[in-house]
Amino acid sequence: MSYYFKKGEQVFIGYIDEQPVAMLRFTLSGKTICECKVRMSVPRNIESYHSLGYSVTKESKEKNRNGCSLSVATMEKQLTN
């Protein structure tokens, strides 16, 4: 987790029955845009973020901490006051 914090990202972890079931890494750009990265191999997650007002702004290949290549969608949402 400290790796992500050093990159300026923040992290939310979702738990069910004290077991981690989801993780969200995100950055705030000027406090007006929330940006997150979502694995494209899980279409349900893309759909969930779409339903919350996020849109895909970029698609890329990234390596996870194990060195495996993943297809990732960068999704953004305008924040309101």
C-alpha atoms as a PDB file:
ATOM      1  CA  MET A   1       0.000   0.000   0.000  1.00  0.00           C
ATOM      2  CA  SER A   2       2.833   2.408   0.740  1.00  0.00           C
ATOM      3  CA  TYR A   3       3.869   2.108  -2.925  1.00  0.00           C
ATOM      4  CA  TYR A   4       0.551   3.673  -3.999  1.00  0.00           C
ATOM      5  CA  PHE A   5       0.732   6.411  -1.373  1.00  0.00           C
ATOM      6  CA  LYS A   6       4.194   7.398  -2.618  1.00  0.00           C
ATOM      7  CA  LYS A   7       2.689   7.786  -6.112  1.00  0.00           C
ATOM      8  CA  GLY A   8       0.126  10.252  -4.721  1.00  0.00           C
ATOM      9  CA  GLU A   9      -2.754   7.793  -4.819  1.00  0.00           C
ATOM     10  CA  GLN A  10      -5.313   7.161  -2.140  1.00  0.00           C
ATOM     11  CA  VAL A  11      -6.818   3.755  -1.448  1.00  0.00           C
ATOM     12  CA  PHE A  12     -10.212   2.467  -0.280  1.00  0.00           C
ATOM     13  CA  ILE A  13     -10.641  -1.190   0.634  1.00  0.00           C
ATOM     14  CA  GLY A  14     -14.115  -2.728   0.802  1.00  0.00           C
ATOM     15  CA  TYR A  15     -14.759  -5.514   3.298  1.00  0.00           C
ATOM     16  CA  ILE A  16     -17.532  -8.068   3.720  1.00  0.00           C
ATOM     17  CA  ASP A  17     -17.480 -10.066   6.961  1.00  0.00           C
ATOM     18  CA  GLU A  18     -14.011  -8.696   7.720  1.00  0.00           C
ATOM     19  CA  GLN A  19     -12.640 -10.061   4.422  1.00  0.00           C
ATOM     20  CA  PRO A  20     -11.286  -7.629   1.790  1.00  0.00           C
ATOM     21  CA  VAL A  21     -13.374  -7.963  -1.381  1.00  0.00           C
ATOM     22  CA  ALA A  22     -12.537  -4.807  -3.355  1.00  0.00           C
ATOM     23  CA  MET A  23      -9.865  -2.146  -3.600  1.00  0.00           C
ATOM     24  CA  LEU A  24     -10.136   1.290  -5.180  1.00  0.00           C
ATOM     25  CA  ARG A  25      -7.044   3.372  -5.900  1.00  0.00           C
ATOM     26  CA  PHE A  26      -7.651   6.955  -6.909  1.00  0.00           C
ATOM     27  CA  THR A  27      -6.095  10.376  -7.269  1.00  0.00           C
ATOM     28  CA  LEU A  28      -7.666  13.793  -6.969  1.00  0.00           C
ATOM     29  CA  SER A  29      -6.632  16.254  -9.673  1.00  0.00           C
ATOM     30  CA  GLY A  30      -7.158  19.797  -8.481  1.00  0.00           C
ATOM     31  CA  LYS A  31      -9.986  18.514  -6.303  1.00  0.00           C
ATOM     32  CA  THR A  32     -12.410  18.801  -9.224  1.00  0.00           C
ATOM     33  CA  ILE A  33     -11.809  15.440 -10.910  1.00  0.00           C
ATOM     34  CA  CYS A  34     -11.702  11.995  -9.317  1.00  0.00           C
ATOM     35  CA  GLU A  35      -9.647   9.514 -11.325  1.00  0.00           C
ATOM     36  CA  CYS A  36      -9.447   5.768 -10.804  1.00  0.00           C
ATOM     37  CA  LYS A  37      -8.066   2.783 -12.671  1.00  0.00           C
ATOM     38  CA  VAL A  38     -10.260  -0.235 -13.290  1.00  0.00           C
ATOM     39  CA  ARG A  39      -9.303  -3.650 -14.648  1.00  0.00           C
ATOM     40  CA  MET A  40     -10.928  -4.064 -18.053  1.00  0.00           C
ATOM     41  CA  SER A  41     -11.167  -7.826 -17.503  1.00  0.00           C
ATOM     42  CA  VAL A  42     -14.022  -7.160 -15.047  1.00  0.00           C
ATOM     43  CA  PRO A  43     -16.787  -5.488 -17.137  1.00  0.00           C
ATOM     44  CA  ARG A  44     -19.067  -5.402 -14.079  1.00  0.00           C
ATOM     45  CA  ASN A  45     -16.670  -2.940 -12.416  1.00  0.00           C
ATOM     46  CA  ILE A  46     -16.619  -0.687 -15.506  1.00  0.00           C
ATOM     47  CA  GLU A  47     -20.439  -0.726 -15.534  1.00  0.00           C
ATOM     48  CA  SER A  48     -20.573   0.085 -11.812  1.00  0.00           C
ATOM     49  CA  TYR A  49     -18.380   3.155 -12.254  1.00  0.00           C
ATOM     50  CA  HIS A  50     -20.399   4.248 -15.310  1.00  0.00           C
ATOM     51  CA  SER A  51     -23.530   4.123 -13.164  1.00  0.00           C
ATOM     52  CA  LEU A  52     -21.805   6.434 -10.661  1.00  0.00           C
ATOM     53  CA  GLY A  53     -21.031   9.016 -13.350  1.00  0.00           C
ATOM     54  CA  TYR A  54     -17.486   7.988 -14.304  1.00  0.00           C
ATOM     55  CA  SER A  55     -16.369   7.788 -17.925  1.00  0.00           C
ATOM     56  CA  VAL A  56     -13.400   6.052 -19.532  1.00  0.00           C
ATOM     57  CA  THR A  57     -10.746   8.576 -20.522  1.00  0.00           C
ATOM     58  CA  LYS A  58      -7.888   6.223 -21.390  1.00  0.00           C
ATOM     59  CA  GLU A  59      -7.141   2.534 -21.936  1.00  0.00           C
ATOM     60  CA  SER A  60      -3.667   1.167 -21.306  1.00  0.00           C
ATOM     61  CA  LYS A  61      -1.573  -1.861 -20.392  1.00  0.00           C
ATOM     62  CA  GLU A  62      -0.016  -1.786 -16.943  1.00  0.00           C
ATOM     63  CA  LYS A  63       1.910  -4.273 -14.867  1.00  0.00           C
ATOM     64  CA  ASN A  64       0.678  -5.337 -11.478  1.00  0.00           C
ATOM     65  CA  ARG A  65       3.059  -5.815  -8.578  1.00  0.00           C
ATOM     66  CA  ASN A  66       3.666  -9.420  -9.706  1.00  0.00           C
ATOM     67  CA  GLY A  67       4.832  -8.217 -13.119  1.00  0.00           C
ATOM     68  CA  CYS A  68       1.751  -9.472 -15.012  1.00  0.00           C
ATOM     69  CA  SER A  69       0.370  -7.221 -17.744  1.00  0.00           C
ATOM     70  CA  LEU A  70      -3.215  -6.022 -17.250  1.00  0.00           C
ATOM     71  CA  SER A  71      -5.571  -4.033 -19.464  1.00  0.00           C
ATOM     72  CA  VAL A  72      -6.658  -1.024 -17.442  1.00  0.00           C
ATOM     73  CA  ALA A  73      -9.242   1.700 -18.020  1.00  0.00           C
ATOM     74  CA  THR A  74      -8.637   5.109 -16.496  1.00  0.00           C
ATOM     75  CA  MET A  75     -12.002   6.501 -15.448  1.00  0.00           C
ATOM     76  CA  GLU A  76     -12.787  10.062 -14.352  1.00  0.00           C
ATOM     77  CA  LYS A  77     -15.670  11.857 -12.724  1.00  0.00           C
ATOM     78  CA  GLN A  78     -16.224  15.573 -12.280  1.00  0.00           C
ATOM     79  CA  LEU A  79     -16.681  16.410  -8.602  1.00  0.00           C
ATOM     80  CA  THR A  80     -19.212  18.985  -7.455  1.00  0.00           C
ATOM     81  CA  ASN A  81     -19.275  21.163  -4.361  1.00  0.00           C
END
